[in-house]
Amino acid sequence: MSKARGQGNSLGIAIVIAVVLVALVVLAATRVRLPHSEDANLPKPTPASVEITRADPNGGSAALFAQVELYDPKSLFLPTPVNNSDPALPATLRRDPSNAFKTISPQLTFAEYEMSIVLPEPITVPKDPVEALHVGETANPFFTFGRINYPYTPLPKRLAFVEVLQAKSGRMVLAAPLNSGPDNRLPSVDWQPLEMVVSVENSGLIGTPTVTTGSGFEEVDDYFRAFIVKQFRLGARLPPGFYMLRIGP
């Protein structure tokens, strides 16, 4: 009995589907219109006309002109009133383009108003082929270099040079070479100029010189400190006061 009931339900569903299909076919047939012979003679519809509006604030819509200016990419590449300004110059600053370079005199190859051609100076024709080889040669400006012996006086040999400046005023009070004796030799190193500060009393130097800027080598600093006190005898050359010493080659 249940089997007969299931077959009846399937048959009913099939009938419903068939009815729906028939209805769809009838609906499509009523909406589709096949062309007839008399429809071919009917006039064809014309396309709608397109109205052209000038994008000009004087002869068109101001709103349309503003929209065109907004989407115009020309200002990204060229100067336009949107991205630059062209101020009006006063009459005193404006110049005629033809008079812009009047202050610079032209350098003309030929005369401007007359036929005058300037020819170079004639040259002397060589007398023989050997003389022709030397045409165009200029004199040697270094011809006399190394050909004349001059009596040069060699500079006196010195160990170093000292400059003594007054600490209060900065005035130089003494400048003299330092000459070393045979028993006291400067260390053979590449030293740089050094500076010292000394104090002088009536009895001579007070203590040893104080090095403010060294030579880069402690043995060179110690050498000149002892040299200034013992051999150069700076305390006997200066009046009392504070002094700055600069010693260099």
Protein backbone atom coordinates (compact mmCIF):
# COMPACT_ATOMS: atom_id res chain seq x y z
CA MET A 1 0.00 0.00 0.00
CA SER A 2 2.89 2.36 0.84
CA LYS A 3 4.50 1.48 -2.49
CA ALA A 4 1.35 2.47 -4.40
CA ARG A 5 1.24 5.74 -2.44
CA GLY A 6 4.86 6.60 -3.44
CA GLN A 7 4.20 5.96 -7.12
CA GLY A 8 1.15 8.24 -6.94
CA ASN A 9 3.25 11.10 -5.49
CA SER A 10 5.88 10.74 -8.23
CA LEU A 11 3.19 10.81 -10.91
CA GLY A 12 1.74 13.98 -9.44
CA ILE A 13 5.11 15.76 -9.43
CA ALA A 14 5.69 14.79 -13.04
CA ILE A 15 2.30 16.18 -14.05
CA VAL A 16 3.06 19.50 -12.28
CA ILE A 17 6.45 19.84 -14.04
CA ALA A 18 4.81 19.13 -17.41
CA VAL A 19 2.19 21.79 -16.82
CA VAL A 20 4.86 24.37 -15.87
CA LEU A 21 6.87 23.61 -19.00
CA VAL A 22 3.80 24.01 -21.23
CA ALA A 23 2.99 27.33 -19.59
CA LEU A 24 6.52 28.62 -20.18
CA VAL A 25 6.42 27.62 -23.86
CA VAL A 26 3.07 29.40 -24.38
CA LEU A 27 4.36 32.53 -22.60
CA ALA A 28 7.49 32.65 -24.76
CA ALA A 29 5.46 32.19 -27.95
CA THR A 30 3.19 35.11 -27.11
CA ARG A 31 6.12 37.50 -26.34
CA VAL A 32 8.37 36.70 -29.32
CA ARG A 33 7.23 38.46 -32.47
CA LEU A 34 8.56 37.21 -35.76
CA PRO A 35 9.21 39.84 -38.44
CA HIS A 36 6.63 40.05 -41.20
CA SER A 37 7.09 41.17 -44.74
CA GLU A 38 5.18 44.40 -44.16
CA ASP A 39 7.49 45.39 -41.23
CA ALA A 40 10.45 45.62 -43.62
CA ASN A 41 8.96 48.68 -45.34
CA LEU A 42 8.64 50.63 -42.10
CA PRO A 43 11.15 53.53 -41.60
CA LYS A 44 14.11 52.76 -39.36
CA PRO A 45 14.39 54.73 -36.10
CA THR A 46 16.94 57.56 -36.16
CA PRO A 47 19.56 57.80 -33.39
CA ALA A 48 19.15 60.45 -30.77
CA SER A 49 21.02 63.68 -31.47
CA VAL A 50 23.96 64.66 -29.23
CA GLU A 51 24.12 68.26 -28.08
CA ILE A 52 27.61 69.85 -27.90
CA THR A 53 28.13 72.47 -25.23
CA ARG A 54 31.09 74.83 -25.20
CA ALA A 55 33.29 74.55 -22.11
CA ASP A 56 33.66 78.30 -21.96
CA PRO A 57 32.54 80.52 -19.11
CA ASN A 58 31.48 83.18 -21.66
CA GLY A 59 29.53 80.96 -24.05
CA GLY A 60 28.40 77.95 -22.04
CA SER A 61 27.58 76.57 -18.64
CA ALA A 62 29.77 77.86 -15.84
CA ALA A 63 29.29 74.64 -13.88
CA LEU A 64 30.41 72.53 -16.86
CA PHE A 65 33.44 74.76 -17.36
CA ALA A 66 34.42 74.34 -13.71
CA GLN A 67 34.13 70.55 -14.04
CA VAL A 68 36.31 70.54 -17.17
CA GLU A 69 38.98 72.58 -15.38
CA LEU A 70 38.85 70.21 -12.41
CA TYR A 71 39.51 67.06 -14.50
CA ASP A 72 41.89 68.69 -17.01
CA PRO A 73 45.34 67.01 -16.65
CA LYS A 74 47.12 69.83 -18.49
CA SER A 75 48.12 71.57 -15.25
CA LEU A 76 50.18 68.51 -14.28
CA PHE A 77 52.57 69.09 -17.18
CA LEU A 78 52.18 72.70 -18.40
CA PRO A 79 51.86 76.05 -16.64
CA THR A 80 48.23 77.12 -16.46
CA PRO A 81 46.35 79.79 -14.49
CA VAL A 82 45.49 77.05 -11.99
CA ASN A 83 49.07 76.17 -10.97
CA ASN A 84 51.07 79.37 -11.61
CA SER A 85 50.74 83.13 -11.68
CA ASP A 86 51.77 85.66 -14.31
CA PRO A 87 51.95 89.01 -12.54
CA ALA A 88 51.76 92.14 -14.60
CA LEU A 89 55.07 94.00 -14.46
CA PRO A 90 55.11 97.78 -14.13
CA ALA A 91 56.12 99.83 -17.12
CA THR A 92 59.50 100.65 -15.55
CA LEU A 93 60.49 96.96 -15.52
CA ARG A 94 59.20 95.96 -18.92
CA ARG A 95 61.78 96.03 -21.73
CA ASP A 96 61.50 95.63 -25.42
CA PRO A 97 62.95 92.24 -26.46
CA SER A 98 64.89 93.91 -29.25
CA ASN A 99 66.70 96.14 -26.71
CA ALA A 100 67.44 93.46 -24.11
CA PHE A 101 71.10 93.01 -25.15
CA LYS A 102 71.96 96.55 -26.20
CA THR A 103 74.56 96.84 -23.42
CA ILE A 104 76.57 93.93 -24.88
CA SER A 105 78.43 94.96 -28.00
CA PRO A 106 78.38 92.33 -30.77
CA GLN A 107 81.60 90.74 -31.97
CA LEU A 108 81.21 90.71 -35.74
CA THR A 109 83.56 88.83 -38.04
CA PHE A 110 82.82 91.16 -40.94
CA ALA A 111 81.80 94.81 -41.05
CA GLU A 112 78.08 95.43 -40.71
CA TYR A 113 77.64 98.31 -43.17
CA GLU A 114 80.65 98.14 -45.49
CA MET A 115 82.70 95.58 -47.39
CA SER A 116 85.97 95.49 -45.45
CA ILE A 117 87.87 92.26 -44.94
CA VAL A 118 90.84 92.28 -42.58
CA LEU A 119 93.63 90.07 -43.88
CA PRO A 120 96.37 88.74 -41.61
CA GLU A 121 99.84 90.23 -41.75
CA PRO A 122 102.00 88.71 -44.49
CA ILE A 123 104.86 86.47 -43.43
CA THR A 124 108.41 86.55 -44.68
CA VAL A 125 109.00 83.83 -47.25
CA PRO A 126 111.78 81.47 -46.09
CA LYS A 127 114.98 81.61 -48.08
CA ASP A 128 115.75 77.90 -47.97
CA PRO A 129 114.10 74.65 -46.81
CA VAL A 130 116.00 74.70 -43.51
CA GLU A 131 114.57 78.10 -42.62
CA ALA A 132 111.08 76.90 -43.61
CA LEU A 133 111.24 74.23 -40.91
CA HIS A 134 111.36 76.94 -38.22
CA VAL A 135 108.33 78.94 -39.44
CA GLY A 136 105.78 79.29 -36.66
CA GLU A 137 108.13 78.38 -33.83
CA THR A 138 107.98 80.56 -30.72
CA ALA A 139 110.87 81.54 -28.50
CA ASN A 140 111.63 79.30 -25.54
CA PRO A 141 110.80 81.33 -22.38
CA PHE A 142 112.87 78.91 -20.25
CA PHE A 143 116.00 79.15 -22.39
CA THR A 144 118.15 80.77 -19.66
CA PHE A 145 117.04 78.43 -16.86
CA GLY A 146 120.00 76.46 -15.54
CA ARG A 147 122.52 78.19 -17.87
CA ILE A 148 123.76 80.94 -15.55
CA ASN A 149 125.40 80.34 -12.17
CA TYR A 150 124.36 82.77 -9.43
CA PRO A 151 126.23 83.04 -6.12
CA TYR A 152 123.67 81.71 -3.64
CA THR A 153 124.36 82.10 0.06
CA PRO A 154 123.21 79.01 1.98
CA LEU A 155 121.00 79.55 4.98
CA PRO A 156 122.69 79.19 8.37
CA LYS A 157 122.24 75.82 9.97
CA ARG A 158 120.00 75.84 13.01
CA LEU A 159 118.37 73.40 15.36
CA ALA A 160 115.03 75.20 15.65
CA PHE A 161 113.52 78.68 15.98
CA VAL A 162 111.87 80.18 19.06
CA GLU A 163 109.37 83.04 19.34
CA VAL A 164 108.65 84.54 22.76
CA LEU A 165 105.35 86.41 23.26
CA GLN A 166 104.22 88.36 26.30
CA ALA A 167 101.27 86.49 27.81
CA LYS A 168 99.41 89.65 28.85
CA SER A 169 99.53 91.59 25.57
CA GLY A 170 100.49 88.93 22.99
CA ARG A 171 103.37 91.16 21.80
CA MET A 172 106.46 89.39 20.49
CA VAL A 173 109.49 90.31 22.57
CA LEU A 174 112.10 87.87 21.26
CA ALA A 175 112.70 85.77 18.15
CA ALA A 176 115.95 83.86 17.71
CA PRO A 177 117.33 80.60 16.28
CA LEU A 178 118.29 77.73 18.55
CA ASN A 179 121.73 76.26 17.83
CA SER A 180 122.65 72.99 19.46
CA GLY A 181 126.09 72.15 20.77
CA PRO A 182 128.06 69.08 19.68
CA ASP A 183 127.28 67.20 22.89
CA ASN A 184 123.49 67.74 22.89
CA ARG A 185 121.64 66.39 19.84
CA LEU A 186 117.91 66.61 19.07
CA PRO A 187 116.16 63.21 18.74
CA SER A 188 115.81 62.33 15.04
CA VAL A 189 111.99 62.08 14.82
CA ASP A 190 109.37 63.91 12.78
CA TRP A 191 108.20 66.35 15.47
CA GLN A 192 105.69 69.20 15.20
CA PRO A 193 105.91 72.77 16.61
CA LEU A 194 105.27 73.01 20.33
CA GLU A 195 104.27 75.73 22.77
CA MET A 196 105.38 76.41 26.35
CA VAL A 197 104.55 78.83 29.15
CA VAL A 198 107.28 80.22 31.42
CA SER A 199 107.43 82.58 34.41
CA VAL A 200 110.41 84.91 34.81
CA GLU A 201 111.48 86.78 37.96
CA ASN A 202 114.45 89.02 38.67
CA SER A 203 116.47 85.96 39.58
CA GLY A 204 115.61 84.12 36.35
CA LEU A 205 113.14 81.39 35.39
CA ILE A 206 110.85 79.99 38.04
CA GLY A 207 110.84 76.22 37.75
CA THR A 208 110.83 74.52 34.38
CA PRO A 209 108.76 75.54 31.31
CA THR A 210 105.25 74.07 31.14
CA VAL A 211 104.39 72.44 27.80
CA THR A 212 100.88 73.44 26.64
CA THR A 213 101.03 71.98 23.11
CA GLY A 214 103.40 69.05 22.71
CA SER A 215 105.48 68.06 19.72
CA GLY A 216 104.07 64.53 19.62
CA PHE A 217 107.14 63.02 21.28
CA GLU A 218 107.91 63.26 24.98
CA GLU A 219 111.66 63.07 24.42
CA VAL A 220 111.50 66.13 22.12
CA ASP A 221 109.48 68.07 24.72
CA ASP A 222 111.99 67.23 27.45
CA TYR A 223 114.87 68.16 25.14
CA PHE A 224 113.59 71.70 24.48
CA ARG A 225 112.58 72.26 28.10
CA ALA A 226 116.16 71.59 29.19
CA PHE A 227 117.60 73.48 26.22
CA ILE A 228 115.65 76.67 27.02
CA VAL A 229 116.80 76.66 30.65
CA LYS A 230 120.43 75.52 30.42
CA GLN A 231 121.79 76.46 26.97
CA PHE A 232 119.56 79.28 25.72
CA ARG A 233 119.27 80.84 29.21
CA LEU A 234 115.91 82.45 28.54
CA GLY A 235 115.61 83.82 32.11
CA ALA A 236 118.59 86.11 31.59
CA ARG A 237 117.15 87.56 28.35
CA LEU A 238 113.68 88.62 29.55
CA PRO A 239 112.29 90.98 32.19
CA PRO A 240 109.98 89.56 34.88
CA GLY A 241 106.58 88.37 33.68
CA PHE A 242 104.74 85.50 32.08
CA TYR A 243 105.61 84.50 28.53
CA MET A 244 104.48 82.01 25.88
CA LEU A 245 107.09 80.24 23.80
CA ARG A 246 106.55 78.84 20.29
CA ILE A 247 109.28 76.52 19.04
CA GLY A 248 109.33 75.16 15.50
CA PRO A 249 111.78 74.05 12.80
